[in-house]
């Protein structure tokens, strides 16, 4: 359980590099979700 929690915490730390996610300037929720998906794909490809 701790190992899985650690993976999730590290994922959020890496996603903080994409400041646009946490500043949430997108008014349209679809664009916001799309950018989160994009960031996750980029992290997966690394």
PDB file of N, CA and C in Angstrom:
ATOM      1  N   UNK A   1       0.827  -1.195   0.000  1.00  0.00           N
ATOM      2  CA  UNK A   1       0.000   0.000   0.000  1.00  0.00           C
ATOM      3  C   UNK A   1       0.871   1.259   0.000  1.00  0.00           C
ATOM      4  N   UNK A   2       1.917   1.257   0.826  1.00  0.00           N
ATOM      5  CA  UNK A   2       2.798   2.421   0.901  1.00  0.00           C
ATOM      6  C   UNK A   2       3.496   2.651  -0.432  1.00  0.00           C
ATOM      7  N   UNK A   3       3.896   1.566  -1.091  1.00  0.00           N
ATOM      8  CA  UNK A   3       4.591   1.695  -2.376  1.00  0.00           C
ATOM      9  C   UNK A   3       3.684   2.365  -3.405  1.00  0.00           C
ATOM     10  N   UNK A   4       2.429   2.001  -3.441  1.00  0.00           N
ATOM     11  CA  UNK A   4       1.474   2.595  -4.389  1.00  0.00           C
ATOM     12  C   UNK A   4       1.251   4.072  -4.055  1.00  0.00           C
ATOM     13  N   UNK A   5       1.171   4.381  -2.774  1.00  0.00           N
ATOM     14  CA  UNK A   5       0.992   5.773  -2.345  1.00  0.00           C
ATOM     15  C   UNK A   5       2.189   6.611  -2.759  1.00  0.00           C
ATOM     16  N   UNK A   6       3.367   6.034  -2.657  1.00  0.00           N
ATOM     17  CA  UNK A   6       4.591   6.725  -3.048  1.00  0.00           C
ATOM     18  C   UNK A   6       4.588   7.005  -4.552  1.00  0.00           C
ATOM     19  N   UNK A   7       4.122   6.075  -5.362  1.00  0.00           N
ATOM     20  CA  UNK A   7       4.051   6.285  -6.816  1.00  0.00           C
ATOM     21  C   UNK A   7       3.120   7.438  -7.150  1.00  0.00           C
ATOM     22  N   UNK A   8       1.991   7.511  -6.476  1.00  0.00           N
ATOM     23  CA  UNK A   8       1.032   8.586  -6.734  1.00  0.00           C
ATOM     24  C   UNK A   8       1.629   9.931  -6.313  1.00  0.00           C
ATOM     25  N   UNK A   9       2.301   9.970  -5.189  1.00  0.00           N
ATOM     26  CA  UNK A   9       2.919  11.214  -4.732  1.00  0.00           C
ATOM     27  C   UNK A   9       3.990  11.672  -5.712  1.00  0.00           C
ATOM     28  N   UNK A  10       4.783  10.741  -6.242  1.00  0.00           N
ATOM     29  CA  UNK A  10       5.808  11.120  -7.218  1.00  0.00           C
ATOM     30  C   UNK A  10       5.187  11.594  -8.520  1.00  0.00           C
ATOM     31  N   UNK A  11       4.055  11.009  -8.921  1.00  0.00           N
ATOM     32  CA  UNK A  11       3.368  11.457 -10.135  1.00  0.00           C
ATOM     33  C   UNK A  11       2.917  12.905  -9.986  1.00  0.00           C
ATOM     34  N   UNK A  12       2.321  13.250  -8.847  1.00  0.00           N
ATOM     35  CA  UNK A  12       1.891  14.628  -8.631  1.00  0.00           C
ATOM     36  C   UNK A  12       3.077  15.582  -8.596  1.00  0.00           C
ATOM     37  N   UNK A  13       4.202  15.139  -8.058  1.00  0.00           N
ATOM     38  CA  UNK A  13       5.401  15.985  -8.041  1.00  0.00           C
ATOM     39  C   UNK A  13       5.864  16.270  -9.458  1.00  0.00           C
ATOM     40  N   UNK A  14       5.832  15.248 -10.331  1.00  0.00           N
ATOM     41  CA  UNK A  14       6.245  15.448 -11.726  1.00  0.00           C
ATOM     42  C   UNK A  14       5.241  16.312 -12.476  1.00  0.00           C
ATOM     43  N   UNK A  15       3.957  16.167 -12.173  1.00  0.00           N
ATOM     44  CA  UNK A  15       2.939  16.975 -12.846  1.00  0.00           C
ATOM     45  C   UNK A  15       3.021  18.444 -12.455  1.00  0.00           C
ATOM     46  N   UNK A  16       3.614  18.747 -11.312  1.00  0.00           N
ATOM     47  CA  UNK A  16       3.770  20.142 -10.925  1.00  0.00           C
ATOM     48  C   UNK A  16       4.683  20.896 -11.893  1.00  0.00           C
ATOM     49  N   UNK A  17       5.472  20.151 -12.669  1.00  0.00           N
ATOM     50  CA  UNK A  17       6.279  20.779 -13.697  1.00  0.00           C
ATOM     51  C   UNK A  17       5.426  21.420 -14.773  1.00  0.00           C
ATOM     52  N   UNK A  18       4.224  20.916 -14.954  1.00  0.00           N
ATOM     53  CA  UNK A  18       3.275  21.506 -15.883  1.00  0.00           C
ATOM     54  C   UNK A  18       2.443  22.516 -15.088  1.00  0.00           C
ATOM     55  N   UNK A  19       2.947  23.716 -14.944  1.00  0.00           N
ATOM     56  CA  UNK A  19       2.293  24.727 -14.092  1.00  0.00           C
ATOM     57  C   UNK A  19       0.876  25.060 -14.552  1.00  0.00           C
ATOM     58  N   UNK A  20       0.602  24.852 -15.827  1.00  0.00           N
ATOM     59  CA  UNK A  20      -0.721  25.197 -16.355  1.00  0.00           C
ATOM     60  C   UNK A  20      -1.811  24.365 -15.679  1.00  0.00           C
ATOM     61  N   UNK A  21      -1.487  23.157 -15.273  1.00  0.00           N
ATOM     62  CA  UNK A  21      -2.485  22.306 -14.618  1.00  0.00           C
ATOM     63  C   UNK A  21      -2.934  22.928 -13.299  1.00  0.00           C
ATOM     64  N   UNK A  22      -1.971  23.419 -12.533  1.00  0.00           N
ATOM     65  CA  UNK A  22      -2.295  23.891 -11.195  1.00  0.00           C
ATOM     66  C   UNK A  22      -2.725  25.354 -11.160  1.00  0.00           C
ATOM     67  N   UNK A  23      -2.464  26.097 -12.239  1.00  0.00           N
ATOM     68  CA  UNK A  23      -2.945  27.477 -12.270  1.00  0.00           C
ATOM     69  C   UNK A  23      -4.386  27.535 -12.766  1.00  0.00           C
ATOM     70  N   UNK A  24      -4.792  26.556 -13.557  1.00  0.00           N
ATOM     71  CA  UNK A  24      -6.185  26.386 -13.998  1.00  0.00           C
ATOM     72  C   UNK A  24      -6.750  27.643 -14.654  1.00  0.00           C
ATOM     73  N   UNK A  25      -6.044  28.161 -15.655  1.00  0.00           N
ATOM     74  CA  UNK A  25      -6.545  29.319 -16.379  1.00  0.00           C
ATOM     75  C   UNK A  25      -7.611  28.943 -17.397  1.00  0.00           C
ATOM     76  N   UNK A  26      -7.722  27.664 -17.715  1.00  0.00           N
ATOM     77  CA  UNK A  26      -8.705  27.235 -18.703  1.00  0.00           C
ATOM     78  C   UNK A  26     -10.108  27.312 -18.122  1.00  0.00           C
ATOM     79  N   UNK A  27     -10.952  28.054 -18.785  1.00  0.00           N
ATOM     80  CA  UNK A  27     -12.338  28.181 -18.337  1.00  0.00           C
ATOM     81  C   UNK A  27     -13.164  26.975 -18.770  1.00  0.00           C
ATOM     82  N   UNK A  28     -12.745  26.334 -19.850  1.00  0.00           N
ATOM     83  CA  UNK A  28     -13.490  25.199 -20.384  1.00  0.00           C
ATOM     84  C   UNK A  28     -12.926  23.918 -19.768  1.00  0.00           C
ATOM     85  N   UNK A  29     -13.766  23.162 -19.090  1.00  0.00           N
ATOM     86  CA  UNK A  29     -13.325  21.959 -18.389  1.00  0.00           C
ATOM     87  C   UNK A  29     -12.757  20.920 -19.352  1.00  0.00           C
ATOM     88  N   UNK A  30     -13.263  20.889 -20.568  1.00  0.00           N
ATOM     89  CA  UNK A  30     -12.772  19.937 -21.558  1.00  0.00           C
ATOM     90  C   UNK A  30     -11.301  20.216 -21.891  1.00  0.00           C
ATOM     91  N   UNK A  31     -10.926  21.479 -22.004  1.00  0.00           N
ATOM     92  CA  UNK A  31      -9.533  21.836 -22.276  1.00  0.00           C
ATOM     93  C   UNK A  31      -8.645  21.463 -21.087  1.00  0.00           C
ATOM     94  N   UNK A  32      -9.150  21.684 -19.879  1.00  0.00           N
ATOM     95  CA  UNK A  32      -8.400  21.360 -18.671  1.00  0.00           C
ATOM     96  C   UNK A  32      -8.132  19.860 -18.587  1.00  0.00           C
ATOM     97  N   UNK A  33      -9.161  19.048 -18.822  1.00  0.00           N
ATOM     98  CA  UNK A  33      -9.014  17.595 -18.789  1.00  0.00           C
ATOM     99  C   UNK A  33      -8.095  17.124 -19.910  1.00  0.00           C
ATOM    100  N   UNK A  34      -8.215  17.754 -21.072  1.00  0.00           N
ATOM    101  CA  UNK A  34      -7.340  17.414 -22.188  1.00  0.00           C
ATOM    102  C   UNK A  34      -5.884  17.677 -21.875  1.00  0.00           C
ATOM    103  N   UNK A  35      -5.604  18.785 -21.193  1.00  0.00           N
ATOM    104  CA  UNK A  35      -4.218  19.075 -20.840  1.00  0.00           C
ATOM    105  C   UNK A  35      -3.688  18.116 -19.794  1.00  0.00           C
ATOM    106  N   UNK A  36      -4.528  17.704 -18.867  1.00  0.00           N
ATOM    107  CA  UNK A  36      -4.100  16.701 -17.879  1.00  0.00           C
ATOM    108  C   UNK A  36      -3.763  15.394 -18.591  1.00  0.00           C
ATOM    109  N   UNK A  37      -4.597  14.992 -19.541  1.00  0.00           N
ATOM    110  CA  UNK A  37      -4.312  13.777 -20.306  1.00  0.00           C
ATOM    111  C   UNK A  37      -3.011  13.905 -21.083  1.00  0.00           C
ATOM    112  N   UNK A  38      -2.780  15.061 -21.682  1.00  0.00           N
ATOM    113  CA  UNK A  38      -1.533  15.303 -22.404  1.00  0.00           C
ATOM    114  C   UNK A  38      -0.328  15.178 -21.483  1.00  0.00           C
ATOM    115  N   UNK A  39      -0.414  15.773 -20.308  1.00  0.00           N
ATOM    116  CA  UNK A  39       0.693  15.718 -19.359  1.00  0.00           C
ATOM    117  C   UNK A  39       0.959  14.285 -18.914  1.00  0.00           C
ATOM    118  N   UNK A  40      -0.085  13.499 -18.712  1.00  0.00           N
ATOM    119  CA  UNK A  40       0.095  12.103 -18.313  1.00  0.00           C
ATOM    120  C   UNK A  40       0.734  11.278 -19.427  1.00  0.00           C
ATOM    121  N   UNK A  41       0.367  11.562 -20.666  1.00  0.00           N
ATOM    122  CA  UNK A  41       0.995  10.851 -21.798  1.00  0.00           C
ATOM    123  C   UNK A  41       2.475  11.201 -21.880  1.00  0.00           C
ATOM    124  N   UNK A  42       2.796  12.476 -21.706  1.00  0.00           N
ATOM    125  CA  UNK A  42       4.205  12.885 -21.750  1.00  0.00           C
ATOM    126  C   UNK A  42       4.989  12.184 -20.639  1.00  0.00           C
ATOM    127  N   UNK A  43       4.421  12.098 -19.455  1.00  0.00           N
ATOM    128  CA  UNK A  43       5.102  11.432 -18.343  1.00  0.00           C
ATOM    129  C   UNK A  43       5.259   9.934 -18.610  1.00  0.00           C
ATOM    130  N   UNK A  44       4.285   9.336 -19.270  1.00  0.00           N
ATOM    131  CA  UNK A  44       4.361   7.914 -19.568  1.00  0.00           C
ATOM    132  C   UNK A  44       5.465   7.629 -20.583  1.00  0.00           C
ATOM    133  N   UNK A  45       5.636   8.534 -21.531  1.00  0.00           N
ATOM    134  CA  UNK A  45       6.639   8.337 -22.570  1.00  0.00           C
ATOM    135  C   UNK A  45       8.069   8.575 -22.096  1.00  0.00           C
ATOM    136  N   UNK A  46       8.238   9.228 -20.975  1.00  0.00           N
ATOM    137  CA  UNK A  46       9.586   9.497 -20.457  1.00  0.00           C
ATOM    138  C   UNK A  46      10.271   8.248 -19.992  1.00  0.00           C
TER     139      UNK A  46
END
